Each structure stands twice: as structure tokens, then as C-alpha cells.
Amino acid sequence: MACHSLFLEIVLMILLTCLVHTMSCEDLLSVDYEVFGRVQGVFFRKFTQVTKKLGLVGWVRNTEAGTVEGQLQGPGSKVAEMQSWLRTTGSPQSKIITAEFKNEKIIKCLEVGNRY
């Protein structure tokens, strides 16, 4: 039952975001990212939950190369805020060397649920 409830919560969040988007002029963006530096074993992925506070959805995971990669989706201004966070802030114990962003595109509606 908890799984069903979580699924409904994600679907509702996506629908509400789409509704809010239709009432605003701001484009929804999707962007993939990879962060390099000391970003594993320092709670970096846990701290990416800041996306929820920004109204973004997406996913994040560690890579075998020692980086963290993921995808962000949401209003363009909020995506830009998160990109800045990924470039400069991270978790308190992380040491970011660089963050790369690719596959940025405008989307009509959020395409992924939150997997942070």
C-alpha cells in the first residue's frame, strides 16, 4: 500500500507541476549532469534532495568512475539554481572540481518522477 501511495504522490506532483507550468510563462527544462571531484562517500547524493525544495524532479547516482551523475527537470530558473549548487556548493564534505551539463532541452511536462 505504501508503494501505491508513493506512486500516486509522484503522479500528483507531476500533474500539479504541469498545471502550474501552463499558468506561467517559464519553460520547463530537462538537463543531464555529472559532477567531478570528491563527491562520493560525502553524502553528496543525500544533499541533492535540495531539488525537492526547488520544485524539481529527477534522479542521481554514483558512477564507477567516482563521479555523481543525474538528471534535473523543472522550471528553467530553478534548474539554473540547482546547476549553480552542483557547480559550487554540494554537500559540506564534498570538494567539487567541475560539473558538466548536457542534453539540455525544453520539455512540455515533467518526464520523470523524483528518485532522489
C-alpha atoms as a PDB file:
ATOM      1  CA  MET A   1       0.000   0.000   0.000  1.00  0.00           C
ATOM      2  CA  ALA A   2       2.857   2.397   0.782  1.00  0.00           C
ATOM      3  CA  CYS A   3       4.276   1.835  -2.704  1.00  0.00           C
ATOM      4  CA  HIS A   4       0.879   2.646  -4.248  1.00  0.00           C
ATOM      5  CA  SER A   5       0.637   5.794  -2.125  1.00  0.00           C
ATOM      6  CA  LEU A   6       4.126   6.923  -3.175  1.00  0.00           C
ATOM      7  CA  PHE A   7       3.243   6.333  -6.835  1.00  0.00           C
ATOM      8  CA  LEU A   8       0.079   8.427  -6.504  1.00  0.00           C
ATOM      9  CA  GLU A   9       2.040  11.183  -4.750  1.00  0.00           C
ATOM     10  CA  ILE A  10       4.578  11.287  -7.608  1.00  0.00           C
ATOM     11  CA  VAL A  11       1.852  11.328 -10.272  1.00  0.00           C
ATOM     12  CA  LEU A  12       0.019  14.117  -8.431  1.00  0.00           C
ATOM     13  CA  MET A  13       3.218  16.151  -8.128  1.00  0.00           C
ATOM     14  CA  ILE A  14       3.885  15.792 -11.864  1.00  0.00           C
ATOM     15  CA  LEU A  15       0.315  16.785 -12.756  1.00  0.00           C
ATOM     16  CA  LEU A  16       0.386  19.790 -10.432  1.00  0.00           C
ATOM     17  CA  THR A  17       3.708  20.932 -11.868  1.00  0.00           C
ATOM     18  CA  CYS A  18       2.285  20.670 -15.386  1.00  0.00           C
ATOM     19  CA  LEU A  19      -0.791  22.646 -14.318  1.00  0.00           C
ATOM     20  CA  VAL A  20       1.314  25.360 -12.701  1.00  0.00           C
ATOM     21  CA  HIS A  21       3.520  25.445 -15.791  1.00  0.00           C
ATOM     22  CA  THR A  22       0.557  26.036 -18.092  1.00  0.00           C
ATOM     23  CA  MET A  23      -0.322  29.044 -15.943  1.00  0.00           C
ATOM     24  CA  SER A  24       3.207  30.510 -16.123  1.00  0.00           C
ATOM     25  CA  CYS A  25       5.413  31.669 -18.974  1.00  0.00           C
ATOM     26  CA  GLU A  26       8.539  29.874 -17.810  1.00  0.00           C
ATOM     27  CA  ASP A  27       9.735  26.894 -19.836  1.00  0.00           C
ATOM     28  CA  LEU A  28      10.273  23.526 -18.209  1.00  0.00           C
ATOM     29  CA  LEU A  29      13.797  22.244 -18.767  1.00  0.00           C
ATOM     30  CA  SER A  30      15.460  18.866 -18.596  1.00  0.00           C
ATOM     31  CA  VAL A  31      19.243  18.609 -18.212  1.00  0.00           C
ATOM     32  CA  ASP A  32      21.686  15.774 -17.522  1.00  0.00           C
ATOM     33  CA  TYR A  33      24.687  16.415 -15.283  1.00  0.00           C
ATOM     34  CA  GLU A  34      27.875  14.852 -13.979  1.00  0.00           C
ATOM     35  CA  VAL A  35      29.832  16.210 -11.020  1.00  0.00           C
ATOM     36  CA  PHE A  36      33.563  15.538 -10.645  1.00  0.00           C
ATOM     37  CA  GLY A  37      35.702  15.757  -7.517  1.00  0.00           C
ATOM     38  CA  ARG A  38      35.320  14.243  -4.059  1.00  0.00           C
ATOM     39  CA  VAL A  39      31.600  13.618  -4.402  1.00  0.00           C
ATOM     40  CA  GLN A  40      31.204  10.000  -3.275  1.00  0.00           C
ATOM     41  CA  GLY A  41      31.168   8.945   0.362  1.00  0.00           C
ATOM     42  CA  VAL A  42      30.431  12.528   1.472  1.00  0.00           C
ATOM     43  CA  PHE A  43      26.597  12.442   1.408  1.00  0.00           C
ATOM     44  CA  PHE A  44      26.533  14.323  -1.909  1.00  0.00           C
ATOM     45  CA  ARG A  45      23.540  12.365  -3.229  1.00  0.00           C
ATOM     46  CA  LYS A  46      21.618  12.911   0.015  1.00  0.00           C
ATOM     47  CA  PHE A  47      22.174  16.661  -0.211  1.00  0.00           C
ATOM     48  CA  THR A  48      20.847  16.734  -3.782  1.00  0.00           C
ATOM     49  CA  GLN A  49      17.419  16.417  -2.161  1.00  0.00           C
ATOM     50  CA  VAL A  50      17.533  20.227  -2.160  1.00  0.00           C
ATOM     51  CA  THR A  51      15.865  19.722  -5.555  1.00  0.00           C
ATOM     52  CA  LYS A  52      12.589  18.942  -3.804  1.00  0.00           C
ATOM     53  CA  LYS A  53      12.672  22.349  -2.108  1.00  0.00           C
ATOM     54  CA  LEU A  54      13.167  23.941  -5.529  1.00  0.00           C
ATOM     55  CA  GLY A  55      10.220  22.027  -7.022  1.00  0.00           C
ATOM     56  CA  LEU A  56      12.439  19.952  -9.301  1.00  0.00           C
ATOM     57  CA  VAL A  57      12.296  16.253 -10.084  1.00  0.00           C
ATOM     58  CA  GLY A  58      14.961  13.891 -11.321  1.00  0.00           C
ATOM     59  CA  TRP A  59      17.395  11.223 -10.278  1.00  0.00           C
ATOM     60  CA  VAL A  60      21.000  10.889  -9.075  1.00  0.00           C
ATOM     61  CA  ARG A  61      23.503   8.025  -8.767  1.00  0.00           C
ATOM     62  CA  ASN A  62      27.166   7.279  -8.148  1.00  0.00           C
ATOM     63  CA  THR A  63      29.255   6.123 -11.113  1.00  0.00           C
ATOM     64  CA  GLU A  64      32.073   3.583 -11.207  1.00  0.00           C
ATOM     65  CA  ALA A  65      34.380   6.443 -12.269  1.00  0.00           C
ATOM     66  CA  GLY A  66      33.889   8.122  -8.869  1.00  0.00           C
ATOM     67  CA  THR A  67      31.575  10.866 -10.107  1.00  0.00           C
ATOM     68  CA  VAL A  68      27.919  11.574  -9.435  1.00  0.00           C
ATOM     69  CA  GLU A  69      25.515  11.810 -12.369  1.00  0.00           C
ATOM     70  CA  GLY A  70      21.849  12.567 -12.689  1.00  0.00           C
ATOM     71  CA  GLN A  71      19.061  14.441 -14.379  1.00  0.00           C
ATOM     72  CA  LEU A  72      17.073  17.534 -13.367  1.00  0.00           C
ATOM     73  CA  GLN A  73      13.678  18.640 -14.640  1.00  0.00           C
ATOM     74  CA  GLY A  74      11.618  21.679 -13.746  1.00  0.00           C
ATOM     75  CA  PRO A  75      11.197  25.421 -14.308  1.00  0.00           C
ATOM     76  CA  GLY A  76      14.237  26.944 -16.012  1.00  0.00           C
ATOM     77  CA  SER A  77      15.083  29.374 -13.209  1.00  0.00           C
ATOM     78  CA  LYS A  78      15.020  26.581 -10.620  1.00  0.00           C
ATOM     79  CA  VAL A  79      17.125  24.305 -12.842  1.00  0.00           C
ATOM     80  CA  ALA A  80      19.657  27.157 -13.063  1.00  0.00           C
ATOM     81  CA  GLU A  81      19.699  27.443  -9.239  1.00  0.00           C
ATOM     82  CA  MET A  82      20.397  23.722  -8.921  1.00  0.00           C
ATOM     83  CA  GLN A  83      23.094  23.872 -11.594  1.00  0.00           C
ATOM     84  CA  SER A  84      24.810  26.577  -9.535  1.00  0.00           C
ATOM     85  CA  TRP A  85      24.509  24.425  -6.397  1.00  0.00           C
ATOM     86  CA  LEU A  86      26.026  21.457  -8.243  1.00  0.00           C
ATOM     87  CA  ARG A  87      28.917  23.612  -9.534  1.00  0.00           C
ATOM     88  CA  THR A  88      29.783  25.407  -6.310  1.00  0.00           C
ATOM     89  CA  THR A  89      28.157  24.042  -3.163  1.00  0.00           C
ATOM     90  CA  GLY A  90      27.459  20.314  -2.927  1.00  0.00           C
ATOM     91  CA  SER A  91      27.445  18.592   0.431  1.00  0.00           C
ATOM     92  CA  PRO A  92      29.501  20.062   3.297  1.00  0.00           C
ATOM     93  CA  GLN A  93      32.304  17.473   2.944  1.00  0.00           C
ATOM     94  CA  SER A  94      32.420  17.377  -0.865  1.00  0.00           C
ATOM     95  CA  LYS A  95      35.090  19.036  -2.974  1.00  0.00           C
ATOM     96  CA  ILE A  96      33.730  19.830  -6.417  1.00  0.00           C
ATOM     97  CA  ILE A  97      36.241  20.123  -9.245  1.00  0.00           C
ATOM     98  CA  THR A  98      33.721  20.710 -12.004  1.00  0.00           C
ATOM     99  CA  ALA A  99      30.156  19.970 -13.055  1.00  0.00           C
ATOM    100  CA  GLU A 100      29.220  19.215 -16.647  1.00  0.00           C
ATOM    101  CA  PHE A 101      25.742  19.701 -18.081  1.00  0.00           C
ATOM    102  CA  LYS A 102      24.468  18.255 -21.344  1.00  0.00           C
ATOM    103  CA  ASN A 103      21.308  17.320 -23.221  1.00  0.00           C
ATOM    104  CA  GLU A 104      19.508  20.463 -22.034  1.00  0.00           C
ATOM    105  CA  LYS A 105      16.102  20.674 -23.663  1.00  0.00           C
ATOM    106  CA  ILE A 106      12.726  22.298 -23.234  1.00  0.00           C
ATOM    107  CA  ILE A 107      10.001  19.830 -22.256  1.00  0.00           C
ATOM    108  CA  LYS A 108       6.224  20.204 -22.184  1.00  0.00           C
ATOM    109  CA  CYS A 109       5.724  18.270 -18.970  1.00  0.00           C
ATOM    110  CA  LEU A 110       7.919  16.594 -16.365  1.00  0.00           C
ATOM    111  CA  GLU A 111       9.030  13.232 -17.694  1.00  0.00           C
ATOM    112  CA  VAL A 112      10.474  11.553 -14.595  1.00  0.00           C
ATOM    113  CA  GLY A 113       9.365  11.142 -11.025  1.00  0.00           C
ATOM    114  CA  ASN A 114      11.597  12.103  -8.119  1.00  0.00           C
ATOM    115  CA  ARG A 115      14.147   9.411  -7.403  1.00  0.00           C
ATOM    116  CA  TYR A 116      16.318  11.416  -5.008  1.00  0.00           C
END
